């Protein structure tokens, strides 16, 4: 069984930055593809970013490209989402996910004030 724990969400002003963390317990994330998704109020869950743990293939949605960065720390079994130049439309609950599995974190709220 794998448990994903997100942290780092909060309230920030437009143009600000936050870094989300997702730490896994129960299994090493090495070899997996990790993703960040988000769900805004009244909307469906959407893709934000993904990367292979041990590779160089990194993907971003058009809405966050150039502003967000996904990275990982092998020693901490943790994946990060660095979010810069935040906009009110980035407000959502952010989830980490082991792609192609059923493992999701519980989500962390990000609110960007205008």
Protein backbone atom coordinates (compact mmCIF):
# COMPACT_ATOMS: atom_id res chain seq x y z
CA UNK A 1 0.00 0.00 0.00
CA UNK A 2 1.25 3.46 -0.92
CA UNK A 3 0.38 6.65 0.92
CA UNK A 4 0.92 10.04 -0.71
CA UNK A 5 0.95 13.10 1.51
CA UNK A 6 0.81 16.59 0.01
CA UNK A 7 1.76 19.76 1.82
CA UNK A 8 2.66 23.36 1.08
CA UNK A 9 -0.65 24.79 0.02
CA UNK A 10 -1.98 28.07 1.34
CA UNK A 11 -3.17 31.57 0.55
CA UNK A 12 -0.97 33.76 -1.61
CA UNK A 13 -1.41 37.01 -3.52
CA UNK A 14 -1.38 37.25 -7.29
CA UNK A 15 2.19 37.03 -8.52
CA UNK A 16 3.35 35.10 -5.49
CA UNK A 17 4.94 31.68 -5.21
CA UNK A 18 4.32 28.41 -3.43
CA UNK A 19 6.06 25.06 -3.40
CA UNK A 20 3.97 21.94 -2.99
CA UNK A 21 5.47 18.70 -1.73
CA UNK A 22 4.25 15.15 -2.12
CA UNK A 23 5.97 12.53 -0.01
CA UNK A 24 5.34 8.84 -0.51
CA UNK A 25 5.45 6.13 2.10
CA UNK A 26 5.14 2.41 1.57
CA UNK A 27 6.94 2.28 -1.75
CA UNK A 28 9.84 3.93 -3.51
CA UNK A 29 8.73 6.22 -6.31
CA UNK A 30 11.78 5.35 -8.38
CA UNK A 31 10.71 4.14 -11.79
CA UNK A 32 7.25 5.63 -11.68
CA UNK A 33 5.79 8.60 -13.48
CA UNK A 34 4.52 11.24 -11.06
CA UNK A 35 1.90 13.81 -11.81
CA UNK A 36 0.28 16.86 -10.29
CA UNK A 37 -3.37 17.56 -10.98
CA UNK A 38 -5.76 20.19 -9.71
CA UNK A 39 -9.46 20.69 -9.26
CA UNK A 40 -11.05 24.10 -9.03
CA UNK A 41 -14.50 24.61 -7.48
CA UNK A 42 -17.20 23.39 -9.83
CA UNK A 43 -14.74 21.98 -12.34
CA UNK A 44 -13.24 18.61 -13.15
CA UNK A 45 -9.76 17.48 -12.20
CA UNK A 46 -7.18 18.65 -14.71
CA UNK A 47 -3.60 17.78 -15.50
CA UNK A 48 -0.91 20.21 -14.36
CA UNK A 49 2.50 18.55 -14.70
CA UNK A 50 4.16 15.14 -14.86
CA UNK A 51 7.58 13.60 -15.07
CA UNK A 52 9.25 10.23 -15.07
CA UNK A 53 11.03 9.74 -11.77
CA UNK A 54 14.31 8.65 -13.34
CA UNK A 55 13.97 10.28 -16.73
CA UNK A 56 14.03 13.60 -18.44
CA UNK A 57 10.54 13.59 -19.93
CA UNK A 58 8.66 16.43 -18.26
CA UNK A 59 5.23 17.67 -19.29
CA UNK A 60 3.21 20.73 -18.36
CA UNK A 61 -0.23 21.95 -19.23
CA UNK A 62 -0.24 25.05 -21.40
CA UNK A 63 -1.80 27.05 -18.59
CA UNK A 64 1.19 26.58 -16.26
CA UNK A 65 4.10 26.18 -18.69
CA UNK A 66 6.87 28.60 -17.86
CA UNK A 67 5.52 29.28 -14.38
CA UNK A 68 5.48 25.86 -12.66
CA UNK A 69 8.31 23.36 -12.23
CA UNK A 70 8.01 19.71 -11.24
CA UNK A 71 11.01 18.12 -9.58
CA UNK A 72 11.85 15.24 -7.27
CA UNK A 73 14.19 14.28 -4.45
CA UNK A 74 15.25 10.64 -4.46
CA UNK A 75 16.49 10.64 -0.89
CA UNK A 76 13.23 12.05 0.43
CA UNK A 77 10.98 10.05 -1.92
CA UNK A 78 9.27 13.35 -2.61
CA UNK A 79 8.03 15.16 -5.69
CA UNK A 80 7.64 18.94 -5.73
CA UNK A 81 5.67 21.50 -7.65
CA UNK A 82 7.27 24.94 -7.61
CA UNK A 83 4.62 27.48 -8.58
CA UNK A 84 5.63 31.01 -9.53
CA UNK A 85 3.72 34.00 -10.87
CA UNK A 86 0.52 32.61 -9.44
CA UNK A 87 -2.81 33.80 -10.80
CA UNK A 88 -6.32 33.69 -9.32
CA UNK A 89 -7.21 31.02 -11.89
CA UNK A 90 -4.60 28.75 -10.28
CA UNK A 91 -6.86 28.50 -7.23
CA UNK A 92 -7.69 24.82 -6.75
CA UNK A 93 -7.05 21.73 -4.69
CA UNK A 94 -3.81 20.21 -5.93
CA UNK A 95 -3.27 16.46 -5.94
CA UNK A 96 -0.25 14.32 -6.59
CA UNK A 97 -0.70 11.03 -8.37
CA UNK A 98 1.32 8.02 -9.39
CA UNK A 99 0.38 7.89 -13.05
CA UNK A 100 -1.36 4.71 -14.27
CA UNK A 101 -2.09 3.62 -10.69
CA UNK A 102 -4.95 4.30 -8.33
CA UNK A 103 -2.76 6.17 -5.87
CA UNK A 104 -3.67 9.78 -5.17
CA UNK A 105 -2.87 12.12 -2.34
CA UNK A 106 -5.56 13.78 -0.27
CA UNK A 107 -4.98 17.16 -1.86
CA UNK A 108 -3.76 20.53 -0.66
CA UNK A 109 -5.63 23.80 -1.15
CA UNK A 110 -4.01 26.64 -3.06
CA UNK A 111 -5.83 29.97 -3.04
CA UNK A 112 -4.56 32.94 -5.02
CA UNK A 113 -6.12 36.27 -4.11
CA UNK A 114 -6.59 39.00 -6.70
